[in-house]
C-alpha cells in the first residue's frame, strides 16, 4: 500500500515538473509583480534575502525580458540556466523510466 502511494506522489510530481514551466510561459509576464510576498525573511525579519525576487526574475527571463529579470534578482543568470538543466535531466529520467516500463510481448 505504501509503495502504491509513493508511486502516485512521484507521478504527480513528474506531471508538475513537466507542466509548471508551460504554465509559467502562458501566464502574463507581470503576473507575479504585485501582491503579498510569501518570503519568510521579509514577513518575519523585514529584510530581503538573496532569493527575494527570483520568481519574478525568472518569469521575466522566460519571457525574454532579461534587463527586467536582472533588476529583480541578479542571481537569475545562475538560477535560470540551472533550472533549465535540471528540467531536461528530469525529463530524460522520466523518458528512461517510461521506456523501461513499457514491455511489448509479441
PDB file of N, CA and C in Angstrom:
ATOM      1  N   UNK A   1       0.829  -1.204   0.000  1.00  0.00           N
ATOM      2  CA  UNK A   1       0.000   0.000   0.000  1.00  0.00           C
ATOM      3  C   UNK A   1       0.868   1.260   0.000  1.00  0.00           C
ATOM      4  N   UNK A   2       1.909   1.286   0.845  1.00  0.00           N
ATOM      5  CA  UNK A   2       2.787   2.455   0.929  1.00  0.00           C
ATOM      6  C   UNK A   2       3.510   2.672  -0.402  1.00  0.00           C
ATOM      7  N   UNK A   3       3.921   1.592  -1.059  1.00  0.00           N
ATOM      8  CA  UNK A   3       4.623   1.702  -2.332  1.00  0.00           C
ATOM      9  C   UNK A   3       3.708   2.324  -3.383  1.00  0.00           C
ATOM     10  N   UNK A   4       2.419   1.945  -3.363  1.00  0.00           N
ATOM     11  CA  UNK A   4       1.457   2.488  -4.315  1.00  0.00           C
ATOM     12  C   UNK A   4       1.253   3.988  -4.096  1.00  0.00           C
ATOM     13  N   UNK A   5       1.188   4.433  -2.841  1.00  0.00           N
ATOM     14  CA  UNK A   5       1.025   5.853  -2.526  1.00  0.00           C
ATOM     15  C   UNK A   5       2.264   6.624  -2.960  1.00  0.00           C
ATOM     16  N   UNK A   6       3.439   6.075  -2.705  1.00  0.00           N
ATOM     17  CA  UNK A   6       4.689   6.721  -3.081  1.00  0.00           C
ATOM     18  C   UNK A   6       4.772   6.875  -4.597  1.00  0.00           C
ATOM     19  N   UNK A   7       4.394   5.841  -5.335  1.00  0.00           N
ATOM     20  CA  UNK A   7       4.407   5.924  -6.790  1.00  0.00           C
ATOM     21  C   UNK A   7       3.440   6.990  -7.287  1.00  0.00           C
ATOM     22  N   UNK A   8       2.286   7.094  -6.662  1.00  0.00           N
ATOM     23  CA  UNK A   8       1.309   8.111  -7.057  1.00  0.00           C
ATOM     24  C   UNK A   8       1.855   9.514  -6.815  1.00  0.00           C
ATOM     25  N   UNK A   9       2.526   9.712  -5.695  1.00  0.00           N
ATOM     26  CA  UNK A   9       3.106  11.020  -5.386  1.00  0.00           C
ATOM     27  C   UNK A   9       4.174  11.371  -6.416  1.00  0.00           C
ATOM     28  N   UNK A  10       5.017  10.394  -6.772  1.00  0.00           N
ATOM     29  CA  UNK A  10       6.056  10.657  -7.771  1.00  0.00           C
ATOM     30  C   UNK A  10       5.458  10.954  -9.136  1.00  0.00           C
ATOM     31  N   UNK A  11       4.368  10.316  -9.492  1.00  0.00           N
ATOM     32  CA  UNK A  11       3.712  10.608 -10.774  1.00  0.00           C
ATOM     33  C   UNK A  11       3.150  12.015 -10.781  1.00  0.00           C
ATOM     34  N   UNK A  12       2.588  12.444  -9.669  1.00  0.00           N
ATOM     35  CA  UNK A  12       2.067  13.809  -9.569  1.00  0.00           C
ATOM     36  C   UNK A  12       3.212  14.811  -9.681  1.00  0.00           C
ATOM     37  N   UNK A  13       4.328  14.536  -9.010  1.00  0.00           N
ATOM     38  CA  UNK A  13       5.488  15.417  -9.086  1.00  0.00           C
ATOM     39  C   UNK A  13       6.054  15.460 -10.501  1.00  0.00           C
ATOM     40  N   UNK A  14       6.119  14.311 -11.163  1.00  0.00           N
ATOM     41  CA  UNK A  14       6.584  14.277 -12.546  1.00  0.00           C
ATOM     42  C   UNK A  14       5.695  15.135 -13.432  1.00  0.00           C
ATOM     43  N   UNK A  15       4.399  15.015 -13.252  1.00  0.00           N
ATOM     44  CA  UNK A  15       3.441  15.801 -14.021  1.00  0.00           C
ATOM     45  C   UNK A  15       3.666  17.292 -13.763  1.00  0.00           C
ATOM     46  N   UNK A  16       3.862  17.671 -12.502  1.00  0.00           N
ATOM     47  CA  UNK A  16       4.075  19.074 -12.144  1.00  0.00           C
ATOM     48  C   UNK A  16       5.358  19.611 -12.761  1.00  0.00           C
ATOM     49  N   UNK A  17       6.423  18.818 -12.713  1.00  0.00           N
ATOM     50  CA  UNK A  17       7.710  19.265 -13.256  1.00  0.00           C
ATOM     51  C   UNK A  17       7.605  19.524 -14.754  1.00  0.00           C
ATOM     52  N   UNK A  18       6.819  18.739 -15.438  1.00  0.00           N
ATOM     53  CA  UNK A  18       6.674  18.919 -16.876  1.00  0.00           C
ATOM     54  C   UNK A  18       5.822  20.146 -17.203  1.00  0.00           C
ATOM     55  N   UNK A  19       4.744  20.362 -16.466  1.00  0.00           N
ATOM     56  CA  UNK A  19       3.790  21.380 -16.860  1.00  0.00           C
ATOM     57  C   UNK A  19       3.945  22.732 -16.173  1.00  0.00           C
ATOM     58  N   UNK A  20       4.667  22.837 -15.080  1.00  0.00           N
ATOM     59  CA  UNK A  20       4.859  24.142 -14.436  1.00  0.00           C
ATOM     60  C   UNK A  20       5.571  25.132 -15.364  1.00  0.00           C
ATOM     61  N   UNK A  21       6.648  24.740 -16.056  1.00  0.00           N
ATOM     62  CA  UNK A  21       7.252  25.700 -16.994  1.00  0.00           C
ATOM     63  C   UNK A  21       6.289  26.127 -18.104  1.00  0.00           C
ATOM     64  N   UNK A  22       5.450  25.228 -18.564  1.00  0.00           N
ATOM     65  CA  UNK A  22       4.471  25.574 -19.598  1.00  0.00           C
ATOM     66  C   UNK A  22       3.482  26.603 -19.049  1.00  0.00           C
ATOM     67  N   UNK A  23       3.040  26.401 -17.822  1.00  0.00           N
ATOM     68  CA  UNK A  23       2.107  27.349 -17.195  1.00  0.00           C
ATOM     69  C   UNK A  23       2.766  28.711 -17.027  1.00  0.00           C
ATOM     70  N   UNK A  24       4.039  28.725 -16.622  1.00  0.00           N
ATOM     71  CA  UNK A  24       4.746  29.997 -16.446  1.00  0.00           C
ATOM     72  C   UNK A  24       4.884  30.751 -17.763  1.00  0.00           C
ATOM     73  N   UNK A  25       5.046  30.023 -18.854  1.00  0.00           N
ATOM     74  CA  UNK A  25       5.143  30.667 -20.169  1.00  0.00           C
ATOM     75  C   UNK A  25       3.789  31.242 -20.581  1.00  0.00           C
ATOM     76  N   UNK A  26       2.713  30.548 -20.242  1.00  0.00           N
ATOM     77  CA  UNK A  26       1.372  31.000 -20.605  1.00  0.00           C
ATOM     78  C   UNK A  26       0.944  32.216 -19.779  1.00  0.00           C
ATOM     79  N   UNK A  27       1.346  32.263 -18.508  1.00  0.00           N
ATOM     80  CA  UNK A  27       0.962  33.385 -17.640  1.00  0.00           C
ATOM     81  C   UNK A  27       1.533  34.700 -18.168  1.00  0.00           C
ATOM     82  N   UNK A  28       0.841  35.805 -17.932  1.00  0.00           N
ATOM     83  CA  UNK A  28       1.393  37.108 -18.347  1.00  0.00           C
ATOM     84  C   UNK A  28       2.713  37.379 -17.631  1.00  0.00           C
ATOM     85  N   UNK A  29       3.570  38.126 -18.276  1.00  0.00           N
ATOM     86  CA  UNK A  29       4.906  38.360 -17.744  1.00  0.00           C
ATOM     87  C   UNK A  29       4.877  39.063 -16.384  1.00  0.00           C
ATOM     88  N   UNK A  30       3.904  39.914 -16.148  1.00  0.00           N
ATOM     89  CA  UNK A  30       3.850  40.664 -14.890  1.00  0.00           C
ATOM     90  C   UNK A  30       2.935  40.020 -13.847  1.00  0.00           C
ATOM     91  N   UNK A  31       2.622  38.759 -14.000  1.00  0.00           N
ATOM     92  CA  UNK A  31       1.693  38.071 -13.113  1.00  0.00           C
ATOM     93  C   UNK A  31       2.142  38.104 -11.649  1.00  0.00           C
ATOM     94  N   UNK A  32       3.444  37.945 -11.395  1.00  0.00           N
ATOM     95  CA  UNK A  32       3.964  37.891 -10.028  1.00  0.00           C
ATOM     96  C   UNK A  32       4.517  39.234  -9.541  1.00  0.00           C
ATOM     97  N   UNK A  33       4.376  40.286 -10.332  1.00  0.00           N
ATOM     98  CA  UNK A  33       4.994  41.567  -9.985  1.00  0.00           C
ATOM     99  C   UNK A  33       4.332  42.284  -8.819  1.00  0.00           C
ATOM    100  N   UNK A  34       3.085  42.000  -8.545  1.00  0.00           N
ATOM    101  CA  UNK A  34       2.411  42.682  -7.443  1.00  0.00           C
ATOM    102  C   UNK A  34       1.748  41.640  -6.543  1.00  0.00           C
ATOM    103  N   UNK A  35       1.336  42.093  -5.379  1.00  0.00           N
ATOM    104  CA  UNK A  35       0.682  41.189  -4.444  1.00  0.00           C
ATOM    105  C   UNK A  35       1.525  40.957  -3.201  1.00  0.00           C
ATOM    106  N   UNK A  36       0.946  40.250  -2.258  1.00  0.00           N
ATOM    107  CA  UNK A  36       1.605  39.954  -0.985  1.00  0.00           C
ATOM    108  C   UNK A  36       2.770  38.985  -1.190  1.00  0.00           C
ATOM    109  N   UNK A  37       3.875  39.252  -0.524  1.00  0.00           N
ATOM    110  CA  UNK A  37       5.034  38.369  -0.598  1.00  0.00           C
ATOM    111  C   UNK A  37       4.808  37.125   0.264  1.00  0.00           C
ATOM    112  N   UNK A  38       5.469  36.027  -0.111  1.00  0.00           N
ATOM    113  CA  UNK A  38       5.435  34.812   0.706  1.00  0.00           C
ATOM    114  C   UNK A  38       6.814  34.524   1.298  1.00  0.00           C
ATOM    115  N   UNK A  39       7.739  35.463   1.111  1.00  0.00           N
ATOM    116  CA  UNK A  39       9.100  35.309   1.617  1.00  0.00           C
ATOM    117  C   UNK A  39       9.108  35.440   3.142  1.00  0.00           C
ATOM    118  N   UNK A  40       9.535  34.390   3.829  1.00  0.00           N
ATOM    119  CA  UNK A  40       9.579  34.408   5.290  1.00  0.00           C
ATOM    120  C   UNK A  40      10.552  35.460   5.822  1.00  0.00           C
ATOM    121  N   UNK A  41      11.633  35.674   5.095  1.00  0.00           N
ATOM    122  CA  UNK A  41      12.607  36.675   5.511  1.00  0.00           C
ATOM    123  C   UNK A  41      11.969  38.063   5.548  1.00  0.00           C
ATOM    124  N   UNK A  42      11.170  38.380   4.547  1.00  0.00           N
ATOM    125  CA  UNK A  42      10.517  39.689   4.529  1.00  0.00           C
ATOM    126  C   UNK A  42       9.376  39.764   5.532  1.00  0.00           C
ATOM    127  N   UNK A  43       8.626  38.676   5.676  1.00  0.00           N
ATOM    128  CA  UNK A  43       7.477  38.693   6.580  1.00  0.00           C
ATOM    129  C   UNK A  43       7.888  38.729   8.051  1.00  0.00           C
ATOM    130  N   UNK A  44       8.917  37.964   8.413  1.00  0.00           N
ATOM    131  CA  UNK A  44       9.304  37.847   9.816  1.00  0.00           C
ATOM    132  C   UNK A  44      10.397  38.849  10.198  1.00  0.00           C
ATOM    133  N   UNK A  45      11.450  38.904   9.382  1.00  0.00           N
ATOM    134  CA  UNK A  45      12.608  39.726   9.733  1.00  0.00           C
ATOM    135  C   UNK A  45      12.607  41.105   9.097  1.00  0.00           C
ATOM    136  N   UNK A  46      11.673  41.344   8.184  1.00  0.00           N
ATOM    137  CA  UNK A  46      11.581  42.625   7.472  1.00  0.00           C
ATOM    138  C   UNK A  46      12.863  42.970   6.722  1.00  0.00           C
ATOM    139  N   UNK A  47      13.506  41.961   6.166  1.00  0.00           N
ATOM    140  CA  UNK A  47      14.721  42.158   5.385  1.00  0.00           C
ATOM    141  C   UNK A  47      14.685  41.247   4.156  1.00  0.00           C
ATOM    142  N   UNK A  48      15.374  41.659   3.107  1.00  0.00           N
ATOM    143  CA  UNK A  48      15.392  40.855   1.890  1.00  0.00           C
ATOM    144  C   UNK A  48      16.475  39.777   1.984  1.00  0.00           C
ATOM    145  N   UNK A  49      16.133  38.601   1.486  1.00  0.00           N
ATOM    146  CA  UNK A  49      17.101  37.508   1.423  1.00  0.00           C
ATOM    147  C   UNK A  49      17.679  37.455   0.001  1.00  0.00           C
ATOM    148  N   UNK A  50      18.733  36.669  -0.226  1.00  0.00           N
ATOM    149  CA  UNK A  50      19.312  36.584  -1.573  1.00  0.00           C
ATOM    150  C   UNK A  50      18.337  36.052  -2.627  1.00  0.00           C
ATOM    151  N   UNK A  51      17.311  35.341  -2.203  1.00  0.00           N
ATOM    152  CA  UNK A  51      16.358  34.781  -3.155  1.00  0.00           C
ATOM    153  C   UNK A  51      15.174  35.685  -3.452  1.00  0.00           C
ATOM    154  N   UNK A  52      15.078  36.799  -2.742  1.00  0.00           N
ATOM    155  CA  UNK A  52      13.938  37.693  -2.959  1.00  0.00           C
ATOM    156  C   UNK A  52      13.925  38.198  -4.400  1.00  0.00           C
ATOM    157  N   UNK A  53      12.794  38.038  -5.056  1.00  0.00           N
ATOM    158  CA  UNK A  53      12.630  38.498  -6.427  1.00  0.00           C
ATOM    159  C   UNK A  53      12.981  37.473  -7.483  1.00  0.00           C
ATOM    160  N   UNK A  54      13.440  36.286  -7.083  1.00  0.00           N
ATOM    161  CA  UNK A  54      13.888  35.313  -8.076  1.00  0.00           C
ATOM    162  C   UNK A  54      12.718  34.773  -8.895  1.00  0.00           C
ATOM    163  N   UNK A  55      11.544  34.624  -8.292  1.00  0.00           N
ATOM    164  CA  UNK A  55      10.383  34.146  -9.048  1.00  0.00           C
ATOM    165  C   UNK A  55      10.014  35.160 -10.130  1.00  0.00           C
ATOM    166  N   UNK A  56       9.970  36.416  -9.744  1.00  0.00           N
ATOM    167  CA  UNK A  56       9.660  37.463 -10.728  1.00  0.00           C
ATOM    168  C   UNK A  56      10.748  37.561 -11.784  1.00  0.00           C
ATOM    169  N   UNK A  57      12.000  37.415 -11.363  1.00  0.00           N
ATOM    170  CA  UNK A  57      13.116  37.477 -12.310  1.00  0.00           C
ATOM    171  C   UNK A  57      13.033  36.342 -13.329  1.00  0.00           C
ATOM    172  N   UNK A  58      12.739  35.140 -12.854  1.00  0.00           N
ATOM    173  CA  UNK A  58      12.637  34.005 -13.769  1.00  0.00           C
ATOM    174  C   UNK A  58      11.447  34.179 -14.705  1.00  0.00           C
ATOM    175  N   UNK A  59      10.339  34.678 -14.183  1.00  0.00           N
ATOM    176  CA  UNK A  59       9.157  34.903 -15.018  1.00  0.00           C
ATOM    177  C   UNK A  59       9.489  35.885 -16.142  1.00  0.00           C
ATOM    178  N   UNK A  60      10.212  36.949 -15.826  1.00  0.00           N
ATOM    179  CA  UNK A  60      10.582  37.916 -16.863  1.00  0.00           C
ATOM    180  C   UNK A  60      11.618  37.322 -17.815  1.00  0.00           C
ATOM    181  N   UNK A  61      12.551  36.539 -17.307  1.00  0.00           N
ATOM    182  CA  UNK A  61      13.584  35.957 -18.165  1.00  0.00           C
ATOM    183  C   UNK A  61      12.998  34.966 -19.165  1.00  0.00           C
ATOM    184  N   UNK A  62      12.028  34.146 -18.734  1.00  0.00           N
ATOM    185  CA  UNK A  62      11.466  33.183 -19.688  1.00  0.00           C
ATOM    186  C   UNK A  62      10.587  33.868 -20.731  1.00  0.00           C
ATOM    187  N   UNK A  63      10.227  35.127 -20.461  1.00  0.00           N
ATOM    188  CA  UNK A  63       9.530  35.929 -21.468  1.00  0.00           C
ATOM    189  C   UNK A  63      10.507  36.864 -22.189  1.00  0.00           C
ATOM    190  N   UNK A  64      11.791  36.558 -22.052  1.00  0.00           N
ATOM    191  CA  UNK A  64      12.883  37.243 -22.756  1.00  0.00           C
ATOM    192  C   UNK A  64      13.032  38.720 -22.377  1.00  0.00           C
ATOM    193  N   UNK A  65      12.641  39.073 -21.173  1.00  0.00           N
ATOM    194  CA  UNK A  65      12.869  40.424 -20.650  1.00  0.00           C
ATOM    195  C   UNK A  65      14.037  40.355 -19.665  1.00  0.00           C
ATOM    196  N   UNK A  66      15.233  40.213 -20.209  1.00  0.00           N
ATOM    197  CA  UNK A  66      16.412  39.939 -19.388  1.00  0.00           C
ATOM    198  C   UNK A  66      16.830  41.132 -18.525  1.00  0.00           C
ATOM    199  N   UNK A  67      16.663  42.338 -19.034  1.00  0.00           N
ATOM    200  CA  UNK A  67      17.049  43.520 -18.248  1.00  0.00           C
ATOM    201  C   UNK A  67      16.173  43.613 -16.993  1.00  0.00           C
ATOM    202  N   UNK A  68      14.865  43.441 -17.165  1.00  0.00           N
ATOM    203  CA  UNK A  68      13.944  43.486 -16.024  1.00  0.00           C
ATOM    204  C   UNK A  68      14.230  42.335 -15.065  1.00  0.00           C
ATOM    205  N   UNK A  69      14.494  41.158 -15.619  1.00  0.00           N
ATOM    206  CA  UNK A  69      14.803  39.996 -14.781  1.00  0.00           C
ATOM    207  C   UNK A  69      16.035  40.271 -13.926  1.00  0.00           C
ATOM    208  N   UNK A  70      17.064  40.848 -14.523  1.00  0.00           N
ATOM    209  CA  UNK A  70      18.300  41.147 -13.802  1.00  0.00           C
ATOM    210  C   UNK A  70      18.068  42.200 -12.731  1.00  0.00           C
ATOM    211  N   UNK A  71      17.152  43.125 -12.966  1.00  0.00           N
ATOM    212  CA  UNK A  71      16.830  44.140 -11.965  1.00  0.00           C
ATOM    213  C   UNK A  71      16.107  43.537 -10.758  1.00  0.00           C
ATOM    214  N   UNK A  72      15.273  42.516 -10.977  1.00  0.00           N
ATOM    215  CA  UNK A  72      14.576  41.870  -9.862  1.00  0.00           C
ATOM    216  C   UNK A  72      15.545  41.061  -9.004  1.00  0.00           C
ATOM    217  N   UNK A  73      16.417  40.283  -9.634  1.00  0.00           N
ATOM    218  CA  UNK A  73      17.388  39.493  -8.874  1.00  0.00           C
ATOM    219  C   UNK A  73      18.538  39.117  -9.800  1.00  0.00           C
ATOM    220  N   UNK A  74      19.725  39.527  -9.424  1.00  0.00           N
ATOM    221  CA  UNK A  74      20.904  39.286 -10.256  1.00  0.00           C
ATOM    222  C   UNK A  74      21.282  37.801 -10.338  1.00  0.00           C
ATOM    223  N   UNK A  75      20.809  37.023  -9.378  1.00  0.00           N
ATOM    224  CA  UNK A  75      21.117  35.582  -9.386  1.00  0.00           C
ATOM    225  C   UNK A  75      20.386  34.827 -10.496  1.00  0.00           C
ATOM    226  N   UNK A  76      19.516  35.505 -11.225  1.00  0.00           N
ATOM    227  CA  UNK A  76      18.775  34.855 -12.302  1.00  0.00           C
ATOM    228  C   UNK A  76      19.737  34.298 -13.361  1.00  0.00           C
ATOM    229  N   UNK A  77      20.911  34.908 -13.509  1.00  0.00           N
ATOM    230  CA  UNK A  77      21.871  34.422 -14.508  1.00  0.00           C
ATOM    231  C   UNK A  77      22.455  33.065 -14.117  1.00  0.00           C
ATOM    232  N   UNK A  78      22.356  32.706 -12.852  1.00  0.00           N
ATOM    233  CA  UNK A  78      22.807  31.386 -12.384  1.00  0.00           C
ATOM    234  C   UNK A  78      21.627  30.440 -12.228  1.00  0.00           C
ATOM    235  N   UNK A  79      20.549  30.939 -11.640  1.00  0.00           N
ATOM    236  CA  UNK A  79      19.415  30.081 -11.287  1.00  0.00           C
ATOM    237  C   UNK A  79      18.668  29.586 -12.522  1.00  0.00           C
ATOM    238  N   UNK A  80      18.404  30.446 -13.493  1.00  0.00           N
ATOM    239  CA  UNK A  80      17.635  30.022 -14.661  1.00  0.00           C
ATOM    240  C   UNK A  80      18.347  28.951 -15.481  1.00  0.00           C
ATOM    241  N   UNK A  81      19.625  29.112 -15.815  1.00  0.00           N
ATOM    242  CA  UNK A  81      20.292  28.013 -16.534  1.00  0.00           C
ATOM    243  C   UNK A  81      20.319  26.710 -15.730  1.00  0.00           C
ATOM    244  N   UNK A  82      20.483  26.829 -14.412  1.00  0.00           N
ATOM    245  CA  UNK A  82      20.469  25.637 -13.565  1.00  0.00           C
ATOM    246  C   UNK A  82      19.097  24.961 -13.600  1.00  0.00           C
ATOM    247  N   UNK A  83      18.026  25.740 -13.517  1.00  0.00           N
ATOM    248  CA  UNK A  83      16.676  25.182 -13.596  1.00  0.00           C
ATOM    249  C   UNK A  83      16.411  24.519 -14.945  1.00  0.00           C
ATOM    250  N   UNK A  84      16.877  25.151 -16.018  1.00  0.00           N
ATOM    251  CA  UNK A  84      16.695  24.565 -17.347  1.00  0.00           C
ATOM    252  C   UNK A  84      17.439  23.243 -17.442  1.00  0.00           C
ATOM    253  N   UNK A  85      18.665  23.210 -16.943  1.00  0.00           N
ATOM    254  CA  UNK A  85      19.450  21.969 -16.957  1.00  0.00           C
ATOM    255  C   UNK A  85      18.741  20.878 -16.159  1.00  0.00           C
ATOM    256  N   UNK A  86      18.295  21.203 -14.934  1.00  0.00           N
ATOM    257  CA  UNK A  86      17.615  20.208 -14.097  1.00  0.00           C
ATOM    258  C   UNK A  86      16.302  19.753 -14.727  1.00  0.00           C
ATOM    259  N   UNK A  87      15.617  20.648 -15.411  1.00  0.00           N
ATOM    260  CA  UNK A  87      14.371  20.302 -16.096  1.00  0.00           C
ATOM    261  C   UNK A  87      14.627  19.225 -17.151  1.00  0.00           C
ATOM    262  N   UNK A  88      15.653  19.427 -17.975  1.00  0.00           N
ATOM    263  CA  UNK A  88      15.937  18.451 -19.022  1.00  0.00           C
ATOM    264  C   UNK A  88      16.504  17.148 -18.476  1.00  0.00           C
ATOM    265  N   UNK A  89      17.261  17.214 -17.389  1.00  0.00           N
ATOM    266  CA  UNK A  89      17.732  15.984 -16.735  1.00  0.00           C
ATOM    267  C   UNK A  89      16.536  15.176 -16.231  1.00  0.00           C
ATOM    268  N   UNK A  90      15.577  15.856 -15.621  1.00  0.00           N
ATOM    269  CA  UNK A  90      14.385  15.164 -15.115  1.00  0.00           C
ATOM    270  C   UNK A  90      13.552  14.586 -16.262  1.00  0.00           C
ATOM    271  N   UNK A  91      13.413  15.341 -17.338  1.00  0.00           N
ATOM    272  CA  UNK A  91      12.686  14.810 -18.500  1.00  0.00           C
ATOM    273  C   UNK A  91      13.353  13.563 -19.054  1.00  0.00           C
ATOM    274  N   UNK A  92      14.680  13.568 -19.096  1.00  0.00           N
ATOM    275  CA  UNK A  92      15.418  12.392 -19.587  1.00  0.00           C
ATOM    276  C   UNK A  92      15.188  11.196 -18.667  1.00  0.00           C
ATOM    277  N   UNK A  93      15.226  11.423 -17.357  1.00  0.00           N
ATOM    278  CA  UNK A  93      14.973  10.341 -16.401  1.00  0.00           C
ATOM    279  C   UNK A  93      13.552   9.795 -16.549  1.00  0.00           C
ATOM    280  N   UNK A  94      12.585  10.690 -16.741  1.00  0.00           N
ATOM    281  CA  UNK A  94      11.201  10.256 -16.931  1.00  0.00           C
ATOM    282  C   UNK A  94      11.070   9.425 -18.204  1.00  0.00           C
ATOM    283  N   UNK A  95      11.724   9.868 -19.266  1.00  0.00           N
ATOM    284  CA  UNK A  95      11.677   9.141 -20.527  1.00  0.00           C
ATOM    285  C   UNK A  95      12.294   7.759 -20.374  1.00  0.00           C
ATOM    286  N   UNK A  96      13.406   7.671 -19.663  1.00  0.00           N
ATOM    287  CA  UNK A  96      14.046   6.369 -19.437  1.00  0.00           C
ATOM    288  C   UNK A  96      13.154   5.461 -18.599  1.00  0.00           C
ATOM    289  N   UNK A  97      12.451   6.024 -17.606  1.00  0.00           N
ATOM    290  CA  UNK A  97      11.528   5.223 -16.791  1.00  0.00           C
ATOM    291  C   UNK A  97      10.390   4.680 -17.643  1.00  0.00           C
ATOM    292  N   UNK A  98       9.869   5.532 -18.512  1.00  0.00           N
ATOM    293  CA  UNK A  98       8.755   5.106 -19.363  1.00  0.00           C
ATOM    294  C   UNK A  98       9.220   4.023 -20.329  1.00  0.00           C
ATOM    295  N   UNK A  99      10.394   4.211 -20.919  1.00  0.00           N
ATOM    296  CA  UNK A  99      10.930   3.203 -21.841  1.00  0.00           C
ATOM    297  C   UNK A  99      11.155   1.881 -21.129  1.00  0.00           C
ATOM    298  N   UNK A 100      11.618   1.929 -19.888  1.00  0.00           N
ATOM    299  CA  UNK A 100      11.902   0.712 -19.125  1.00  0.00           C
ATOM    300  C   UNK A 100      10.638   0.008 -18.667  1.00  0.00           C
ATOM    301  N   UNK A 101       9.546   0.747 -18.517  1.00  0.00           N
ATOM    302  CA  UNK A 101       8.318   0.133 -18.011  1.00  0.00           C
ATOM    303  C   UNK A 101       7.421  -0.399 -19.120  1.00  0.00           C
ATOM    304  N   UNK A 102       7.675   0.002 -20.343  1.00  0.00           N
ATOM    305  CA  UNK A 102       6.856  -0.489 -21.461  1.00  0.00           C
ATOM    306  C   UNK A 102       7.470  -1.767 -21.993  1.00  0.00           C
ATOM    307  N   UNK A 103       6.686  -2.821 -21.904  1.00  0.00           N
ATOM    308  CA  UNK A 103       7.143  -4.116 -22.422  1.00  0.00           C
ATOM    309  C   UNK A 103       6.127  -4.609 -23.444  1.00  0.00           C
ATOM    310  N   UNK A 104       6.617  -4.936 -24.579  1.00  0.00           N
ATOM    311  CA  UNK A 104       5.740  -5.409 -25.647  1.00  0.00           C
ATOM    312  C   UNK A 104       5.992  -6.898 -25.865  1.00  0.00           C
ATOM    313  N   UNK A 105       4.943  -7.666 -25.704  1.00  0.00           N
ATOM    314  CA  UNK A 105       5.025  -9.101 -25.958  1.00  0.00           C
ATOM    315  C   UNK A 105       4.520  -9.397 -27.363  1.00  0.00           C
ATOM    316  N   UNK A 106       5.355 -10.057 -28.131  1.00  0.00           N
ATOM    317  CA  UNK A 106       4.959 -10.402 -29.500  1.00  0.00           C
ATOM    318  C   UNK A 106       4.761 -11.897 -29.604  1.00  0.00           C
TER     319      UNK A 106
END
